[in-house]
Amino acid sequence: MIGRLYTVVIDCPDPGELAGFYEKLLSLSRQEDTGDFVVLQNAAGAPVDDFRAPRWTDSARPQQMHIDVMVADLDTAEPQVLALGATLLDGSDKPIGYRVYEDPVGHPFCLITPEEA
């Protein structure tokens, strides 16, 4: 092993607002909030002036990263993430395996199920 994952940084215009989404989605707790960045356990977000949200299936604005969130059942988890402010992306309404969403500022993430589900 060369190293270990220490943190995930998600650039966005309003770290406090996006942190609230990921706090609820992943059951994280806010450790620090300076207004310029928020630390959720080992994850931090910081604003950038040239932020351009990725656009699903647009090669001119590709995803820079995405998070896979394991859930027991897609049909149960979907209304919960939509209520938090996520958006189901066109063409990703798979009945099993995974579905692709974007968070409130446009970062893609997937809800995935175990292979046997």
PDB file of N, CA and C in Angstrom:
ATOM      1  N   MET A   1       0.844  -1.175   0.000  1.00  0.00           N
ATOM      2  CA  MET A   1       0.000   0.000   0.000  1.00  0.00           C
ATOM      3  C   MET A   1       0.887   1.235   0.000  1.00  0.00           C
ATOM      4  N   ILE A   2       0.588   2.173  -0.867  1.00  0.00           N
ATOM      5  CA  ILE A   2       1.333   3.426  -0.944  1.00  0.00           C
ATOM      6  C   ILE A   2       0.807   4.426   0.070  1.00  0.00           C
ATOM      7  N   GLY A   3      -0.479   4.463   0.248  1.00  0.00           N
ATOM      8  CA  GLY A   3      -1.086   5.418   1.177  1.00  0.00           C
ATOM      9  C   GLY A   3      -2.482   4.971   1.529  1.00  0.00           C
ATOM     10  N   ARG A   4      -3.210   5.803   2.276  1.00  0.00           N
ATOM     11  CA  ARG A   4      -4.590   5.502   2.620  1.00  0.00           C
ATOM     12  C   ARG A   4      -5.439   6.736   2.350  1.00  0.00           C
ATOM     13  N   LEU A   5      -6.668   6.516   2.009  1.00  0.00           N
ATOM     14  CA  LEU A   5      -7.569   7.620   1.748  1.00  0.00           C
ATOM     15  C   LEU A   5      -7.772   8.410   3.027  1.00  0.00           C
ATOM     16  N   TYR A   6      -7.518   9.691   2.985  1.00  0.00           N
ATOM     17  CA  TYR A   6      -7.656  10.537   4.155  1.00  0.00           C
ATOM     18  C   TYR A   6      -8.881  11.435   4.065  1.00  0.00           C
ATOM     19  N   THR A   7      -9.130  11.977   2.882  1.00  0.00           N
ATOM     20  CA  THR A   7     -10.212  12.937   2.754  1.00  0.00           C
ATOM     21  C   THR A   7     -10.744  12.960   1.327  1.00  0.00           C
ATOM     22  N   VAL A   8     -11.971  13.388   1.181  1.00  0.00           N
ATOM     23  CA  VAL A   8     -12.563  13.641  -0.128  1.00  0.00           C
ATOM     24  C   VAL A   8     -12.973  15.101  -0.126  1.00  0.00           C
ATOM     25  N   VAL A   9     -12.523  15.863  -1.100  1.00  0.00           N
ATOM     26  CA  VAL A   9     -12.843  17.278  -1.202  1.00  0.00           C
ATOM     27  C   VAL A   9     -13.780  17.466  -2.383  1.00  0.00           C
ATOM     28  N   ILE A  10     -14.917  18.099  -2.126  1.00  0.00           N
ATOM     29  CA  ILE A  10     -15.880  18.368  -3.181  1.00  0.00           C
ATOM     30  C   ILE A  10     -15.998  19.878  -3.322  1.00  0.00           C
ATOM     31  N   ASP A  11     -15.499  20.422  -4.417  1.00  0.00           N
ATOM     32  CA  ASP A  11     -15.574  21.851  -4.653  1.00  0.00           C
ATOM     33  C   ASP A  11     -16.993  22.247  -5.026  1.00  0.00           C
ATOM     34  N   CYS A  12     -17.455  23.364  -4.468  1.00  0.00           N
ATOM     35  CA  CYS A  12     -18.797  23.839  -4.748  1.00  0.00           C
ATOM     36  C   CYS A  12     -18.926  25.294  -4.324  1.00  0.00           C
ATOM     37  N   PRO A  13     -19.950  25.979  -4.791  1.00  0.00           N
ATOM     38  CA  PRO A  13     -20.116  27.390  -4.456  1.00  0.00           C
ATOM     39  C   PRO A  13     -20.538  27.634  -3.004  1.00  0.00           C
ATOM     40  N   ASP A  14     -21.304  26.750  -2.372  1.00  0.00           N
ATOM     41  CA  ASP A  14     -21.799  26.948  -1.007  1.00  0.00           C
ATOM     42  C   ASP A  14     -21.558  25.684  -0.184  1.00  0.00           C
ATOM     43  N   PRO A  15     -20.380  25.567   0.445  1.00  0.00           N
ATOM     44  CA  PRO A  15     -20.038  24.347   1.181  1.00  0.00           C
ATOM     45  C   PRO A  15     -21.013  24.005   2.303  1.00  0.00           C
ATOM     46  N   GLY A  16     -21.546  24.988   2.992  1.00  0.00           N
ATOM     47  CA  GLY A  16     -22.474  24.721   4.085  1.00  0.00           C
ATOM     48  C   GLY A  16     -23.729  24.023   3.613  1.00  0.00           C
ATOM     49  N   GLU A  17     -24.275  24.487   2.505  1.00  0.00           N
ATOM     50  CA  GLU A  17     -25.493  23.887   1.966  1.00  0.00           C
ATOM     51  C   GLU A  17     -25.241  22.469   1.470  1.00  0.00           C
ATOM     52  N   LEU A  18     -24.169  22.268   0.704  1.00  0.00           N
ATOM     53  CA  LEU A  18     -23.874  20.931   0.190  1.00  0.00           C
ATOM     54  C   LEU A  18     -23.510  19.974   1.323  1.00  0.00           C
ATOM     55  N   ALA A  19     -22.845  20.475   2.350  1.00  0.00           N
ATOM     56  CA  ALA A  19     -22.501  19.624   3.493  1.00  0.00           C
ATOM     57  C   ALA A  19     -23.757  19.068   4.149  1.00  0.00           C
ATOM     58  N   GLY A  20     -24.809  19.870   4.221  1.00  0.00           N
ATOM     59  CA  GLY A  20     -26.062  19.394   4.794  1.00  0.00           C
ATOM     60  C   GLY A  20     -26.623  18.214   4.034  1.00  0.00           C
ATOM     61  N   PHE A  21     -26.514  18.252   2.707  1.00  0.00           N
ATOM     62  CA  PHE A  21     -26.973  17.144   1.868  1.00  0.00           C
ATOM     63  C   PHE A  21     -26.199  15.862   2.206  1.00  0.00           C
ATOM     64  N   TYR A  22     -24.856  15.951   2.239  1.00  0.00           N
ATOM     65  CA  TYR A  22     -24.049  14.759   2.502  1.00  0.00           C
ATOM     66  C   TYR A  22     -24.120  14.313   3.965  1.00  0.00           C
ATOM     67  N   GLU A  23     -24.353  15.228   4.889  1.00  0.00           N
ATOM     68  CA  GLU A  23     -24.572  14.833   6.278  1.00  0.00           C
ATOM     69  C   GLU A  23     -25.747  13.870   6.378  1.00  0.00           C
ATOM     70  N   LYS A  24     -26.844  14.229   5.712  1.00  0.00           N
ATOM     71  CA  LYS A  24     -28.050  13.405   5.770  1.00  0.00           C
ATOM     72  C   LYS A  24     -27.925  12.147   4.920  1.00  0.00           C
ATOM     73  N   LEU A  25     -27.342  12.262   3.734  1.00  0.00           N
ATOM     74  CA  LEU A  25     -27.204  11.114   2.842  1.00  0.00           C
ATOM     75  C   LEU A  25     -26.320  10.035   3.453  1.00  0.00           C
ATOM     76  N   LEU A  26     -25.217  10.423   4.075  1.00  0.00           N
ATOM     77  CA  LEU A  26     -24.224   9.459   4.553  1.00  0.00           C
ATOM     78  C   LEU A  26     -24.129   9.381   6.076  1.00  0.00           C
ATOM     79  N   SER A  27     -25.027  10.039   6.801  1.00  0.00           N
ATOM     80  CA  SER A  27     -25.012  10.057   8.272  1.00  0.00           C
ATOM     81  C   SER A  27     -23.664  10.518   8.814  1.00  0.00           C
ATOM     82  N   LEU A  28     -23.165  11.614   8.288  1.00  0.00           N
ATOM     83  CA  LEU A  28     -21.923  12.203   8.767  1.00  0.00           C
ATOM     84  C   LEU A  28     -22.247  13.333   9.733  1.00  0.00           C
ATOM     85  N   SER A  29     -21.263  13.732  10.517  1.00  0.00           N
ATOM     86  CA  SER A  29     -21.475  14.857  11.415  1.00  0.00           C
ATOM     87  C   SER A  29     -20.502  15.975  11.072  1.00  0.00           C
ATOM     88  N   ARG A  30     -20.986  17.190  11.231  1.00  0.00           N
ATOM     89  CA  ARG A  30     -20.193  18.382  10.909  1.00  0.00           C
ATOM     90  C   ARG A  30     -19.173  18.594  12.023  1.00  0.00           C
ATOM     91  N   GLN A  31     -17.900  18.521  11.665  1.00  0.00           N
ATOM     92  CA  GLN A  31     -16.829  18.697  12.636  1.00  0.00           C
ATOM     93  C   GLN A  31     -16.331  20.136  12.677  1.00  0.00           C
ATOM     94  N   GLU A  32     -16.398  20.816  11.534  1.00  0.00           N
ATOM     95  CA  GLU A  32     -15.898  22.187  11.438  1.00  0.00           C
ATOM     96  C   GLU A  32     -16.657  22.888  10.324  1.00  0.00           C
ATOM     97  N   ASP A  33     -16.957  24.163  10.537  1.00  0.00           N
ATOM     98  CA  ASP A  33     -17.645  24.960   9.525  1.00  0.00           C
ATOM     99  C   ASP A  33     -17.148  26.387   9.638  1.00  0.00           C
ATOM    100  N   THR A  34     -16.271  26.781   8.710  1.00  0.00           N
ATOM    101  CA  THR A  34     -15.687  28.124   8.749  1.00  0.00           C
ATOM    102  C   THR A  34     -16.426  29.105   7.846  1.00  0.00           C
ATOM    103  N   GLY A  35     -17.376  28.618   7.069  1.00  0.00           N
ATOM    104  CA  GLY A  35     -18.012  29.442   6.057  1.00  0.00           C
ATOM    105  C   GLY A  35     -17.348  29.236   4.702  1.00  0.00           C
ATOM    106  N   ASP A  36     -16.022  29.030   4.697  1.00  0.00           N
ATOM    107  CA  ASP A  36     -15.299  28.763   3.453  1.00  0.00           C
ATOM    108  C   ASP A  36     -15.193  27.270   3.182  1.00  0.00           C
ATOM    109  N   PHE A  37     -15.238  26.461   4.226  1.00  0.00           N
ATOM    110  CA  PHE A  37     -15.226  25.014   4.053  1.00  0.00           C
ATOM    111  C   PHE A  37     -15.906  24.359   5.243  1.00  0.00           C
ATOM    112  N   VAL A  38     -16.341  23.131   5.019  1.00  0.00           N
ATOM    113  CA  VAL A  38     -16.989  22.329   6.051  1.00  0.00           C
ATOM    114  C   VAL A  38     -16.279  20.987   6.099  1.00  0.00           C
ATOM    115  N   VAL A  39     -16.010  20.507   7.299  1.00  0.00           N
ATOM    116  CA  VAL A  39     -15.401  19.196   7.475  1.00  0.00           C
ATOM    117  C   VAL A  39     -16.458  18.256   8.034  1.00  0.00           C
ATOM    118  N   LEU A  40     -16.740  17.192   7.290  1.00  0.00           N
ATOM    119  CA  LEU A  40     -17.637  16.136   7.737  1.00  0.00           C
ATOM    120  C   LEU A  40     -16.779  14.916   7.984  1.00  0.00           C
ATOM    121  N   GLN A  41     -16.481  14.647   9.244  1.00  0.00           N
ATOM    122  CA  GLN A  41     -15.532  13.615   9.627  1.00  0.00           C
ATOM    123  C   GLN A  41     -14.254  13.828   8.836  1.00  0.00           C
ATOM    124  N   ASN A  42     -13.952  12.997   7.834  1.00  0.00           N
ATOM    125  CA  ASN A  42     -12.721  13.166   7.076  1.00  0.00           C
ATOM    126  C   ASN A  42     -12.926  13.803   5.705  1.00  0.00           C
ATOM    127  N   ALA A  43     -14.129  14.335   5.415  1.00  0.00           N
ATOM    128  CA  ALA A  43     -14.391  14.933   4.108  1.00  0.00           C
ATOM    129  C   ALA A  43     -14.555  16.438   4.262  1.00  0.00           C
ATOM    130  N   ALA A  44     -13.957  17.198   3.327  1.00  0.00           N
ATOM    131  CA  ALA A  44     -14.060  18.660   3.374  1.00  0.00           C
ATOM    132  C   ALA A  44     -14.465  19.195   2.014  1.00  0.00           C
ATOM    133  N   GLY A  45     -15.194  20.296   1.982  1.00  0.00           N
ATOM    134  CA  GLY A  45     -15.559  20.970   0.742  1.00  0.00           C
ATOM    135  C   GLY A  45     -15.067  22.403   0.797  1.00  0.00           C
ATOM    136  N   ALA A  46     -14.599  22.908  -0.301  1.00  0.00           N
ATOM    137  CA  ALA A  46     -14.113  24.283  -0.353  1.00  0.00           C
ATOM    138  C   ALA A  46     -14.542  24.922  -1.668  1.00  0.00           C
ATOM    139  N   PRO A  47     -14.972  26.168  -1.630  1.00  0.00           N
ATOM    140  CA  PRO A  47     -15.422  26.812  -2.861  1.00  0.00           C
ATOM    141  C   PRO A  47     -14.259  27.156  -3.788  1.00  0.00           C
ATOM    142  N   VAL A  48     -14.529  27.187  -5.064  1.00  0.00           N
ATOM    143  CA  VAL A  48     -13.557  27.641  -6.052  1.00  0.00           C
ATOM    144  C   VAL A  48     -14.244  28.625  -6.978  1.00  0.00           C
ATOM    145  N   ASP A  49     -13.465  29.594  -7.478  1.00  0.00           N
ATOM    146  CA  ASP A  49     -14.041  30.630  -8.336  1.00  0.00           C
ATOM    147  C   ASP A  49     -14.452  30.107  -9.702  1.00  0.00           C
ATOM    148  N   ASP A  50     -13.745  29.097 -10.206  1.00  0.00           N
ATOM    149  CA  ASP A  50     -14.026  28.627 -11.566  1.00  0.00           C
ATOM    150  C   ASP A  50     -14.822  27.323 -11.579  1.00  0.00           C
ATOM    151  N   PHE A  51     -15.583  27.054 -10.524  1.00  0.00           N
ATOM    152  CA  PHE A  51     -16.361  25.824 -10.463  1.00  0.00           C
ATOM    153  C   PHE A  51     -17.351  25.748 -11.624  1.00  0.00           C
ATOM    154  N   ARG A  52     -17.355  24.605 -12.306  1.00  0.00           N
ATOM    155  CA  ARG A  52     -18.328  24.317 -13.363  1.00  0.00           C
ATOM    156  C   ARG A  52     -18.907  22.959 -13.044  1.00  0.00           C
ATOM    157  N   ALA A  53     -20.185  22.928 -12.695  1.00  0.00           N
ATOM    158  CA  ALA A  53     -20.815  21.661 -12.352  1.00  0.00           C
ATOM    159  C   ALA A  53     -20.768  20.724 -13.546  1.00  0.00           C
ATOM    160  N   PRO A  54     -20.486  19.441 -13.317  1.00  0.00           N
ATOM    161  CA  PRO A  54     -20.540  18.486 -14.405  1.00  0.00           C
ATOM    162  C   PRO A  54     -21.973  18.335 -14.893  1.00  0.00           C
ATOM    163  N   ARG A  55     -22.105  17.916 -16.136  1.00  0.00           N
ATOM    164  CA  ARG A  55     -23.434  17.689 -16.703  1.00  0.00           C
ATOM    165  C   ARG A  55     -23.488  16.266 -17.227  1.00  0.00           C
ATOM    166  N   TRP A  56     -24.432  15.485 -16.725  1.00  0.00           N
ATOM    167  CA  TRP A  56     -24.583  14.080 -17.073  1.00  0.00           C
ATOM    168  C   TRP A  56     -24.628  13.912 -18.584  1.00  0.00           C
ATOM    169  N   THR A  57     -23.795  13.075 -19.115  1.00  0.00           N
ATOM    170  CA  THR A  57     -23.648  12.717 -20.531  1.00  0.00           C
ATOM    171  C   THR A  57     -23.177  13.869 -21.420  1.00  0.00           C
ATOM    172  N   ASP A  58     -22.640  14.954 -20.845  1.00  0.00           N
ATOM    173  CA  ASP A  58     -22.116  16.078 -21.634  1.00  0.00           C
ATOM    174  C   ASP A  58     -20.590  16.017 -21.582  1.00  0.00           C
ATOM    175  N   SER A  59     -19.948  15.593 -22.666  1.00  0.00           N
ATOM    176  CA  SER A  59     -18.493  15.422 -22.658  1.00  0.00           C
ATOM    177  C   SER A  59     -17.751  16.744 -22.491  1.00  0.00           C
ATOM    178  N   ALA A  60     -18.398  17.875 -22.765  1.00  0.00           N
ATOM    179  CA  ALA A  60     -17.764  19.173 -22.561  1.00  0.00           C
ATOM    180  C   ALA A  60     -17.705  19.538 -21.072  1.00  0.00           C
ATOM    181  N   ARG A  61     -18.560  18.898 -20.254  1.00  0.00           N
ATOM    182  CA  ARG A  61     -18.574  19.159 -18.811  1.00  0.00           C
ATOM    183  C   ARG A  61     -18.634  17.828 -18.062  1.00  0.00           C
ATOM    184  N   PRO A  62     -17.560  17.033 -18.156  1.00  0.00           N
ATOM    185  CA  PRO A  62     -17.589  15.682 -17.589  1.00  0.00           C
ATOM    186  C   PRO A  62     -17.547  15.706 -16.067  1.00  0.00           C
ATOM    187  N   GLN A  63     -17.960  14.561 -15.486  1.00  0.00           N
ATOM    188  CA  GLN A  63     -17.868  14.432 -14.033  1.00  0.00           C
ATOM    189  C   GLN A  63     -16.405  14.455 -13.622  1.00  0.00           C
ATOM    190  N   GLN A  64     -16.125  15.085 -12.492  1.00  0.00           N
ATOM    191  CA  GLN A  64     -14.762  15.118 -11.978  1.00  0.00           C
ATOM    192  C   GLN A  64     -14.537  14.004 -10.958  1.00  0.00           C
ATOM    193  N   MET A  65     -15.597  13.549 -10.351  1.00  0.00           N
ATOM    194  CA  MET A  65     -15.553  12.462  -9.381  1.00  0.00           C
ATOM    195  C   MET A  65     -16.988  12.056  -9.106  1.00  0.00           C
ATOM    196  N   HIS A  66     -17.174  10.892  -8.519  1.00  0.00           N
ATOM    197  CA  HIS A  66     -18.502  10.572  -8.021  1.00  0.00           C
ATOM    198  C   HIS A  66     -18.395   9.597  -6.871  1.00  0.00           C
ATOM    199  N   ILE A  67     -19.433   9.552  -6.066  1.00  0.00           N
ATOM    200  CA  ILE A  67     -19.489   8.698  -4.885  1.00  0.00           C
ATOM    201  C   ILE A  67     -20.526   7.616  -5.138  1.00  0.00           C
ATOM    202  N   ASP A  68     -20.197   6.376  -4.800  1.00  0.00           N
ATOM    203  CA  ASP A  68     -21.157   5.279  -4.821  1.00  0.00           C
ATOM    204  C   ASP A  68     -21.644   5.066  -3.389  1.00  0.00           C
ATOM    205  N   VAL A  69     -22.953   5.064  -3.204  1.00  0.00           N
ATOM    206  CA  VAL A  69     -23.553   4.866  -1.890  1.00  0.00           C
ATOM    207  C   VAL A  69     -24.308   3.541  -1.912  1.00  0.00           C
ATOM    208  N   MET A  70     -23.876   2.580  -1.081  1.00  0.00           N
ATOM    209  CA  MET A  70     -24.512   1.265  -1.015  1.00  0.00           C
ATOM    210  C   MET A  70     -25.825   1.372  -0.255  1.00  0.00           C
ATOM    211  N   VAL A  71     -26.885   0.855  -0.858  1.00  0.00           N
ATOM    212  CA  VAL A  71     -28.207   0.820  -0.222  1.00  0.00           C
ATOM    213  C   VAL A  71     -28.764  -0.594  -0.365  1.00  0.00           C
ATOM    214  N   ALA A  72     -29.686  -0.945   0.510  1.00  0.00           N
ATOM    215  CA  ALA A  72     -30.290  -2.272   0.443  1.00  0.00           C
ATOM    216  C   ALA A  72     -31.289  -2.377  -0.699  1.00  0.00           C
ATOM    217  N   ASP A  73     -32.017  -1.290  -0.974  1.00  0.00           N
ATOM    218  CA  ASP A  73     -33.074  -1.329  -1.983  1.00  0.00           C
ATOM    219  C   ASP A  73     -33.167   0.029  -2.665  1.00  0.00           C
ATOM    220  N   LEU A  74     -33.017   0.052  -3.986  1.00  0.00           N
ATOM    221  CA  LEU A  74     -33.063   1.302  -4.736  1.00  0.00           C
ATOM    222  C   LEU A  74     -34.413   2.001  -4.619  1.00  0.00           C
ATOM    223  N   ASP A  75     -35.490   1.241  -4.683  1.00  0.00           N
ATOM    224  CA  ASP A  75     -36.821   1.844  -4.645  1.00  0.00           C
ATOM    225  C   ASP A  75     -37.141   2.463  -3.284  1.00  0.00           C
ATOM    226  N   THR A  76     -36.530   1.971  -2.228  1.00  0.00           N
ATOM    227  CA  THR A  76     -36.720   2.553  -0.902  1.00  0.00           C
ATOM    228  C   THR A  76     -35.843   3.784  -0.719  1.00  0.00           C
ATOM    229  N   ALA A  77     -34.591   3.718  -1.184  1.00  0.00           N
ATOM    230  CA  ALA A  77     -33.639   4.817  -0.995  1.00  0.00           C
ATOM    231  C   ALA A  77     -33.928   6.015  -1.904  1.00  0.00           C
ATOM    232  N   GLU A  78     -34.442   5.750  -3.106  1.00  0.00           N
ATOM    233  CA  GLU A  78     -34.636   6.842  -4.059  1.00  0.00           C
ATOM    234  C   GLU A  78     -35.499   7.988  -3.537  1.00  0.00           C
ATOM    235  N   PRO A  79     -36.696   7.744  -3.007  1.00  0.00           N
ATOM    236  CA  PRO A  79     -37.485   8.879  -2.529  1.00  0.00           C
ATOM    237  C   PRO A  79     -36.809   9.639  -1.387  1.00  0.00           C
ATOM    238  N   GLN A  80     -35.972   8.942  -0.631  1.00  0.00           N
ATOM    239  CA  GLN A  80     -35.266   9.595   0.473  1.00  0.00           C
ATOM    240  C   GLN A  80     -34.213  10.568  -0.051  1.00  0.00           C
ATOM    241  N   VAL A  81     -33.432  10.158  -1.062  1.00  0.00           N
ATOM    242  CA  VAL A  81     -32.417  11.077  -1.590  1.00  0.00           C
ATOM    243  C   VAL A  81     -33.066  12.205  -2.404  1.00  0.00           C
ATOM    244  N   LEU A  82     -34.177  11.925  -3.064  1.00  0.00           N
ATOM    245  CA  LEU A  82     -34.880  12.984  -3.785  1.00  0.00           C
ATOM    246  C   LEU A  82     -35.405  14.029  -2.801  1.00  0.00           C
ATOM    247  N   ALA A  83     -35.879  13.590  -1.641  1.00  0.00           N
ATOM    248  CA  ALA A  83     -36.375  14.521  -0.626  1.00  0.00           C
ATOM    249  C   ALA A  83     -35.264  15.396  -0.053  1.00  0.00           C
ATOM    250  N   LEU A  84     -34.021  14.897  -0.100  1.00  0.00           N
ATOM    251  CA  LEU A  84     -32.876  15.688   0.361  1.00  0.00           C
ATOM    252  C   LEU A  84     -32.437  16.721  -0.661  1.00  0.00           C
ATOM    253  N   GLY A  85     -32.919  16.612  -1.899  1.00  0.00           N
ATOM    254  CA  GLY A  85     -32.538  17.563  -2.939  1.00  0.00           C
ATOM    255  C   GLY A  85     -31.788  16.964  -4.105  1.00  0.00           C
ATOM    256  N   ALA A  86     -31.614  15.648  -4.134  1.00  0.00           N
ATOM    257  CA  ALA A  86     -30.963  14.991  -5.269  1.00  0.00           C
ATOM    258  C   ALA A  86     -31.913  14.962  -6.462  1.00  0.00           C
ATOM    259  N   THR A  87     -31.347  14.751  -7.640  1.00  0.00           N
ATOM    260  CA  THR A  87     -32.114  14.632  -8.873  1.00  0.00           C
ATOM    261  C   THR A  87     -31.706  13.359  -9.592  1.00  0.00           C
ATOM    262  N   LEU A  88     -32.680  12.525  -9.971  1.00  0.00           N
ATOM    263  CA  LEU A  88     -32.397  11.341 -10.778  1.00  0.00           C
ATOM    264  C   LEU A  88     -32.022  11.819 -12.174  1.00  0.00           C
ATOM    265  N   LEU A  89     -30.908  11.339 -12.709  1.00  0.00           N
ATOM    266  CA  LEU A  89     -30.453  11.781 -14.020  1.00  0.00           C
ATOM    267  C   LEU A  89     -31.081  10.944 -15.125  1.00  0.00           C
ATOM    268  N   ASP A  90     -31.392  11.580 -16.220  1.00  0.00           N
ATOM    269  CA  ASP A  90     -32.023  10.917 -17.363  1.00  0.00           C
ATOM    270  C   ASP A  90     -31.228   9.693 -17.788  1.00  0.00           C
ATOM    271  N   GLY A  91     -31.951   8.624 -18.064  1.00  0.00           N
ATOM    272  CA  GLY A  91     -31.322   7.408 -18.557  1.00  0.00           C
ATOM    273  C   GLY A  91     -30.695   6.554 -17.483  1.00  0.00           C
ATOM    274  N   SER A  92     -30.923   6.881 -16.222  1.00  0.00           N
ATOM    275  CA  SER A  92     -30.276   6.106 -15.159  1.00  0.00           C
ATOM    276  C   SER A  92     -31.271   5.429 -14.236  1.00  0.00           C
ATOM    277  N   ASP A  93     -32.496   5.253 -14.682  1.00  0.00           N
ATOM    278  CA  ASP A  93     -33.522   4.657 -13.829  1.00  0.00           C
ATOM    279  C   ASP A  93     -33.496   3.131 -13.919  1.00  0.00           C
ATOM    280  N   LYS A  94     -32.355   2.554 -13.563  1.00  0.00           N
ATOM    281  CA  LYS A  94     -32.172   1.100 -13.609  1.00  0.00           C
ATOM    282  C   LYS A  94     -33.002   0.441 -12.512  1.00  0.00           C
ATOM    283  N   PRO A  95     -33.653  -0.683 -12.801  1.00  0.00           N
ATOM    284  CA  PRO A  95     -34.441  -1.340 -11.766  1.00  0.00           C
ATOM    285  C   PRO A  95     -33.574  -2.029 -10.716  1.00  0.00           C
ATOM    286  N   ILE A  96     -32.386  -2.499 -11.097  1.00  0.00           N
ATOM    287  CA  ILE A  96     -31.479  -3.150 -10.148  1.00  0.00           C
ATOM    288  C   ILE A  96     -30.058  -2.683 -10.409  1.00  0.00           C
ATOM    289  N   GLY A  97     -29.187  -2.852  -9.436  1.00  0.00           N
ATOM    290  CA  GLY A  97     -27.770  -2.554  -9.620  1.00  0.00           C
ATOM    291  C   GLY A  97     -27.385  -1.160  -9.201  1.00  0.00           C
ATOM    292  N   TYR A  98     -27.829  -0.151  -9.947  1.00  0.00           N
ATOM    293  CA  TYR A  98     -27.451   1.222  -9.606  1.00  0.00           C
ATOM    294  C   TYR A  98     -28.369   2.226 -10.299  1.00  0.00           C
ATOM    295  N   ARG A  99     -28.390   3.420  -9.744  1.00  0.00           N
ATOM    296  CA  ARG A  99     -29.046   4.572 -10.364  1.00  0.00           C
ATOM    297  C   ARG A  99     -28.152   5.777 -10.138  1.00  0.00           C
ATOM    298  N   VAL A 100     -28.110   6.668 -11.116  1.00  0.00           N
ATOM    299  CA  VAL A 100     -27.250   7.843 -11.056  1.00  0.00           C
ATOM    300  C   VAL A 100     -28.092   9.081 -10.767  1.00  0.00           C
ATOM    301  N   TYR A 101     -27.617   9.878  -9.830  1.00  0.00           N
ATOM    302  CA  TYR A 101     -28.282  11.107  -9.398  1.00  0.00           C
ATOM    303  C   TYR A 101     -27.265  12.236  -9.435  1.00  0.00           C
ATOM    304  N   GLU A 102     -27.737  13.452  -9.227  1.00  0.00           N
ATOM    305  CA  GLU A 102     -26.815  14.542  -8.956  1.00  0.00           C
ATOM    306  C   GLU A 102     -27.201  15.154  -7.622  1.00  0.00           C
ATOM    307  N   ASP A 103     -26.190  15.638  -6.902  1.00  0.00           N
ATOM    308  CA  ASP A 103     -26.457  16.292  -5.633  1.00  0.00           C
ATOM    309  C   ASP A 103     -27.020  17.689  -5.909  1.00  0.00           C
ATOM    310  N   PRO A 104     -27.354  18.462  -4.890  1.00  0.00           N
ATOM    311  CA  PRO A 104     -27.995  19.750  -5.134  1.00  0.00           C
ATOM    312  C   PRO A 104     -27.203  20.747  -5.973  1.00  0.00           C
ATOM    313  N   VAL A 105     -25.884  20.585  -6.114  1.00  0.00           N
ATOM    314  CA  VAL A 105     -25.121  21.506  -6.967  1.00  0.00           C
ATOM    315  C   VAL A 105     -24.603  20.856  -8.239  1.00  0.00           C
ATOM    316  N   GLY A 106     -25.017  19.610  -8.527  1.00  0.00           N
ATOM    317  CA  GLY A 106     -24.694  19.011  -9.814  1.00  0.00           C
ATOM    318  C   GLY A 106     -23.648  17.930  -9.837  1.00  0.00           C
ATOM    319  N   HIS A 107     -23.070  17.535  -8.698  1.00  0.00           N
ATOM    320  CA  HIS A 107     -22.111  16.432  -8.696  1.00  0.00           C
ATOM    321  C   HIS A 107     -22.863  15.110  -8.839  1.00  0.00           C
ATOM    322  N   PRO A 108     -22.447  14.247  -9.753  1.00  0.00           N
ATOM    323  CA  PRO A 108     -23.111  12.949  -9.876  1.00  0.00           C
ATOM    324  C   PRO A 108     -22.716  12.021  -8.728  1.00  0.00           C
ATOM    325  N   PHE A 109     -23.662  11.179  -8.315  1.00  0.00           N
ATOM    326  CA  PHE A 109     -23.378  10.109  -7.370  1.00  0.00           C
ATOM    327  C   PHE A 109     -24.326   8.965  -7.698  1.00  0.00           C
ATOM    328  N   CYS A 110     -23.968   7.768  -7.275  1.00  0.00           N
ATOM    329  CA  CYS A 110     -24.778   6.590  -7.577  1.00  0.00           C
ATOM    330  C   CYS A 110     -25.284   5.964  -6.283  1.00  0.00           C
ATOM    331  N   LEU A 111     -26.519   5.497  -6.334  1.00  0.00           N
ATOM    332  CA  LEU A 111     -27.011   4.548  -5.333  1.00  0.00           C
ATOM    333  C   LEU A 111     -26.785   3.189  -5.956  1.00  0.00           C
ATOM    334  N   ILE A 112     -26.128   2.305  -5.231  1.00  0.00           N
ATOM    335  CA  ILE A 112     -25.839   0.973  -5.745  1.00  0.00           C
ATOM    336  C   ILE A 112     -26.384  -0.067  -4.767  1.00  0.00           C
ATOM    337  N   THR A 113     -26.642  -1.272  -5.275  1.00  0.00           N
ATOM    338  CA  THR A 113     -27.072  -2.367  -4.425  1.00  0.00           C
ATOM    339  C   THR A 113     -26.043  -3.484  -4.516  1.00  0.00           C
ATOM    340  N   PRO A 114     -26.035  -4.355  -3.516  1.00  0.00           N
ATOM    341  CA  PRO A 114     -25.125  -5.511  -3.594  1.00  0.00           C
ATOM    342  C   PRO A 114     -25.450  -6.325  -4.849  1.00  0.00           C
ATOM    343  N   GLU A 115     -24.466  -7.016  -5.384  1.00  0.00           N
ATOM    344  CA  GLU A 115     -24.640  -7.783  -6.610  1.00  0.00           C
ATOM    345  C   GLU A 115     -25.787  -8.793  -6.527  1.00  0.00           C
ATOM    346  N   GLU A 116     -25.983  -9.375  -5.363  1.00  0.00           N
ATOM    347  CA  GLU A 116     -27.018 -10.388  -5.240  1.00  0.00           C
ATOM    348  C   GLU A 116     -28.407  -9.795  -5.055  1.00  0.00           C
ATOM    349  N   ALA A 117     -28.519  -8.475  -4.833  1.00  0.00           N
ATOM    350  CA  ALA A 117     -29.829  -7.845  -4.603  1.00  0.00           C
ATOM    351  C   ALA A 117     -30.601  -7.672  -5.895  1.00  0.00           C
TER     352      ALA A 117
END
